[in-house]
Amino acid sequence: MTDPLIIQPPKTADACVIWLHGLGADQTDFQPVAQILVQTLPTTRFVLPQAPKRPVTINGGYAMPSWYDIKAMSPARSISMDELETSAETVIALIEAQKSAGIDASRIFLAGFSQGGAVVYHTAYVKWQGALGGVIALSTYAPTFDDQLELSASQQRIPALCLHGQKDEVVQYAMGRSAYEHLKQRGVSVTWQEYLMGHEVLLDEITHIGDWLKDRLG
């Protein structure tokens, strides 16, 4: 497995953001974003893992960086649950590594764009039992959230920032909003922010993320 790309802060790290890229991208995709954010978060380390290359059914079986296989797009995405679980375990290993490096779990954040965000949702609110600083979900959806979703007390305490484009042509607006509503209904401190954009990232969005992180890191 490819080692994660690490963006070290200018000062001693006491917080960390683990940031997952989207389908077909790589770990350098959000390197420029991390380099912008670290300027205003000078004690926050950014960890950018790399998804393995695997065949993706909806793309004709072509192998590309993917956190899990997507078998069909509609009516709801059909995905490889085994591969989603494996990716969540990868994220949990990264959390544990940061804890071992001296970062308190309450100052470790999970961020993800599109497919990476789906892994982050599943990791934080289905798999992980313990403190986390929060979740940043960009242009994404939650394939394992349903009406039977039950959160533990520690999962309820993990705040989330959900950001989505009103004109997203890849992950429909309604899919992103549904994940937000699931968390809101279960007592999570969750913020919704939408933008006049498609399946992309805007500078305004990065500013909002930086402000949200600063509010939680003090």
Protein backbone atom coordinates (compact mmCIF):
# COMPACT_ATOMS: atom_id res chain seq x y z
CA MET A 1 0.00 0.00 0.00
CA THR A 2 1.22 3.51 -0.87
CA ASP A 3 2.25 5.55 2.14
CA PRO A 4 0.05 8.57 2.84
CA LEU A 5 1.26 12.00 1.78
CA ILE A 6 1.98 14.06 4.89
CA ILE A 7 1.73 17.86 4.97
CA GLN A 8 3.48 18.95 8.16
CA PRO A 9 2.53 22.23 9.85
CA PRO A 10 5.11 24.97 10.53
CA LYS A 11 4.71 24.45 14.28
CA THR A 12 4.59 21.29 16.39
CA ALA A 13 1.51 19.31 15.39
CA ASP A 14 -1.24 18.96 17.98
CA ALA A 15 -4.11 18.27 15.55
CA CYS A 16 -4.57 16.26 12.37
CA VAL A 17 -6.89 16.06 9.36
CA ILE A 18 -7.01 12.74 7.48
CA TRP A 19 -8.32 13.64 4.02
CA LEU A 20 -9.55 11.07 1.45
CA HIS A 21 -9.64 11.87 -2.28
CA GLY A 22 -12.41 10.89 -4.69
CA LEU A 23 -12.80 8.12 -7.26
CA GLY A 24 -10.10 8.12 -9.93
CA ALA A 25 -8.03 10.82 -8.20
CA ASP A 26 -4.92 10.39 -6.07
CA GLN A 27 -3.42 11.57 -2.80
CA THR A 28 -2.02 14.76 -4.38
CA ASP A 29 -5.53 15.91 -5.35
CA PHE A 30 -6.08 17.80 -2.08
CA GLN A 31 -2.43 18.68 -1.46
CA PRO A 32 -2.99 22.30 -2.61
CA VAL A 33 -6.01 22.57 -0.28
CA ALA A 34 -3.98 21.23 2.64
CA GLN A 35 -1.20 23.69 1.86
CA ILE A 36 -3.72 26.58 1.96
CA LEU A 37 -5.33 25.42 5.21
CA VAL A 38 -2.08 24.75 7.04
CA GLN A 39 -1.19 28.44 6.71
CA THR A 40 -4.08 29.37 9.02
CA LEU A 41 -3.91 26.14 11.05
CA PRO A 42 -0.20 26.17 11.93
CA THR A 43 -0.32 23.19 14.33
CA THR A 44 -2.46 20.91 12.15
CA ARG A 45 -0.94 18.01 10.23
CA PHE A 46 -2.66 16.82 7.04
CA VAL A 47 -2.55 13.13 6.13
CA LEU A 48 -3.55 12.30 2.54
CA PRO A 49 -3.90 8.54 1.96
CA GLN A 50 -3.94 6.86 -1.44
CA ALA A 51 -6.75 4.53 -2.54
CA PRO A 52 -5.60 1.28 -4.20
CA LYS A 53 -6.15 0.73 -7.91
CA ARG A 54 -9.01 -1.69 -8.55
CA PRO A 55 -11.55 -2.39 -11.32
CA VAL A 56 -14.63 -0.15 -11.15
CA THR A 57 -17.72 -1.78 -12.65
CA ILE A 58 -19.55 1.43 -13.64
CA ASN A 59 -16.44 2.50 -15.58
CA GLY A 60 -16.37 -0.65 -17.68
CA GLY A 61 -14.16 -2.53 -15.23
CA TYR A 62 -11.28 -0.12 -15.81
CA ALA A 63 -8.81 -0.13 -12.92
CA MET A 64 -8.40 3.20 -11.17
CA PRO A 65 -7.80 4.53 -7.65
CA SER A 66 -10.96 3.58 -5.79
CA TRP A 67 -11.95 3.17 -2.15
CA TYR A 68 -14.58 0.60 -3.24
CA ASP A 69 -16.21 -0.73 -6.39
CA ILE A 70 -19.42 0.91 -7.58
CA LYS A 71 -21.47 -1.75 -9.35
CA ALA A 72 -24.47 0.38 -10.38
CA MET A 73 -25.52 4.02 -10.10
CA SER A 74 -29.30 3.77 -9.79
CA PRO A 75 -31.80 3.79 -8.26
CA ALA A 76 -29.30 3.87 -5.37
CA ARG A 77 -25.60 3.11 -5.72
CA SER A 78 -24.76 -0.57 -5.45
CA ILE A 79 -21.28 -0.89 -3.95
CA SER A 80 -18.80 -3.47 -2.66
CA MET A 81 -19.41 -3.48 1.08
CA ASP A 82 -16.30 -5.58 1.67
CA GLU A 83 -14.11 -2.99 -0.01
CA LEU A 84 -15.83 -0.16 1.89
CA GLU A 85 -15.11 -1.99 5.15
CA THR A 86 -11.46 -2.47 4.16
CA SER A 87 -11.12 1.23 3.37
CA ALA A 88 -12.69 2.14 6.73
CA GLU A 89 -10.15 -0.10 8.47
CA THR A 90 -7.40 1.76 6.59
CA VAL A 91 -8.71 5.05 7.98
CA ILE A 92 -8.96 3.62 11.49
CA ALA A 93 -5.31 2.51 11.24
CA LEU A 94 -4.39 6.09 10.30
CA ILE A 95 -6.32 7.44 13.30
CA GLU A 96 -4.50 5.03 15.59
CA ALA A 97 -1.15 6.01 14.07
CA GLN A 98 -1.83 9.69 14.79
CA LYS A 99 -2.89 8.85 18.34
CA SER A 100 0.37 6.91 18.77
CA ALA A 101 2.23 9.98 17.46
CA GLY A 102 0.78 12.03 20.32
CA ILE A 103 -2.33 13.61 18.75
CA ASP A 104 -5.39 13.46 20.97
CA ALA A 105 -8.31 11.71 19.25
CA SER A 106 -10.54 14.73 19.95
CA ARG A 107 -8.25 16.75 17.64
CA ILE A 108 -8.25 14.25 14.76
CA PHE A 109 -10.64 15.07 11.91
CA LEU A 110 -11.75 12.95 8.96
CA ALA A 111 -12.38 14.69 5.64
CA GLY A 112 -13.38 13.21 2.32
CA PHE A 113 -14.52 14.25 -1.15
CA SER A 114 -17.14 12.24 -3.03
CA GLN A 115 -16.28 8.53 -2.65
CA GLY A 116 -13.71 9.44 -0.01
CA GLY A 117 -16.43 11.21 1.94
CA ALA A 118 -18.60 8.09 1.87
CA VAL A 119 -15.74 6.17 3.51
CA VAL A 120 -15.36 8.93 6.11
CA TYR A 121 -19.08 8.83 6.98
CA HIS A 122 -18.99 5.05 7.37
CA THR A 123 -15.81 5.15 9.44
CA ALA A 124 -16.95 7.88 11.85
CA TYR A 125 -20.59 6.98 12.36
CA VAL A 126 -20.68 3.21 11.86
CA LYS A 127 -17.25 1.75 12.65
CA TRP A 128 -15.31 4.04 15.01
CA GLN A 129 -16.06 3.95 18.72
CA GLY A 130 -14.32 6.79 20.49
CA ALA A 131 -13.64 10.49 20.32
CA LEU A 132 -12.97 12.37 17.08
CA GLY A 133 -12.62 16.07 16.35
CA GLY A 134 -15.19 15.94 13.58
CA VAL A 135 -16.09 15.02 10.00
CA ILE A 136 -15.83 17.18 6.88
CA ALA A 137 -17.96 15.73 4.07
CA LEU A 138 -17.49 17.30 0.64
CA SER A 139 -19.84 16.56 -2.27
CA THR A 140 -20.61 13.12 -0.91
CA TYR A 141 -23.24 10.69 0.31
CA ALA A 142 -23.60 8.03 3.00
CA PRO A 143 -24.20 4.55 1.53
CA THR A 144 -24.59 2.92 4.95
CA PHE A 145 -26.96 5.45 6.54
CA ASP A 146 -30.58 4.27 6.69
CA ASP A 147 -33.58 4.47 9.02
CA GLN A 148 -32.02 1.76 11.21
CA LEU A 149 -28.85 3.79 11.80
CA GLU A 150 -28.13 3.90 15.52
CA LEU A 151 -25.31 6.04 16.86
CA SER A 152 -23.44 5.40 20.08
CA ALA A 153 -23.03 8.27 22.55
CA SER A 154 -19.46 8.86 21.33
CA GLN A 155 -20.58 8.89 17.68
CA GLN A 156 -23.31 11.42 18.48
CA ARG A 157 -20.64 13.74 19.84
CA ILE A 158 -18.70 13.82 16.55
CA PRO A 159 -19.65 17.10 14.79
CA ALA A 160 -19.95 17.22 11.01
CA LEU A 161 -19.64 19.84 8.29
CA CYS A 162 -21.51 18.84 5.11
CA LEU A 163 -20.70 20.81 1.95
CA HIS A 164 -22.42 20.25 -1.39
CA GLY A 165 -22.98 21.81 -4.79
CA GLN A 166 -26.51 22.74 -5.81
CA LYS A 167 -25.69 21.62 -9.36
CA ASP A 168 -23.70 18.47 -8.52
CA GLU A 169 -24.04 16.16 -11.53
CA VAL A 170 -22.15 13.22 -9.96
CA VAL A 171 -23.46 12.98 -6.39
CA GLN A 172 -26.96 14.39 -6.48
CA TYR A 173 -27.79 17.23 -4.09
CA ALA A 174 -30.53 15.09 -2.50
CA MET A 175 -28.02 12.37 -1.63
CA GLY A 176 -25.79 14.80 0.23
CA ARG A 177 -28.76 16.38 1.98
CA SER A 178 -30.06 12.95 3.05
CA ALA A 179 -26.79 12.16 4.88
CA TYR A 180 -27.03 15.52 6.67
CA GLU A 181 -30.64 14.86 7.70
CA HIS A 182 -29.77 11.40 9.05
CA LEU A 183 -27.15 12.92 11.35
CA LYS A 184 -29.33 15.88 12.37
CA GLN A 185 -32.20 13.56 13.33
CA ARG A 186 -29.83 11.58 15.55
CA GLY A 187 -28.65 14.54 17.57
CA VAL A 188 -25.31 15.18 15.86
CA SER A 189 -24.08 18.79 15.77
CA VAL A 190 -24.09 19.02 11.98
CA THR A 191 -23.76 22.05 9.68
CA TRP A 192 -25.00 22.20 6.08
CA GLN A 193 -23.32 24.50 3.56
CA GLU A 194 -24.27 24.58 -0.10
CA TYR A 195 -22.75 26.36 -3.07
CA LEU A 196 -23.72 27.29 -6.61
CA MET A 197 -21.36 24.70 -8.12
CA GLY A 198 -21.14 21.20 -9.57
CA HIS A 199 -18.97 18.32 -8.39
CA GLU A 200 -15.97 20.42 -7.45
CA VAL A 201 -14.30 22.46 -4.72
CA LEU A 202 -14.43 26.25 -4.46
CA LEU A 203 -12.12 28.65 -2.64
CA ASP A 204 -15.10 29.85 -0.55
CA GLU A 205 -15.61 26.25 0.54
CA ILE A 206 -11.98 25.95 1.66
CA THR A 207 -12.39 29.17 3.66
CA HIS A 208 -15.50 27.77 5.37
CA ILE A 209 -13.66 24.55 6.20
CA GLY A 210 -10.75 26.50 7.68
CA ASP A 211 -13.10 28.60 9.82
CA TRP A 212 -14.97 25.50 11.03
CA LEU A 213 -11.71 23.78 11.97
CA LYS A 214 -10.41 26.86 13.80
CA ASP A 215 -13.63 27.05 15.82
CA ARG A 216 -13.11 23.47 16.98
CA LEU A 217 -9.38 23.64 17.58
CA GLY A 218 -9.40 26.86 19.60
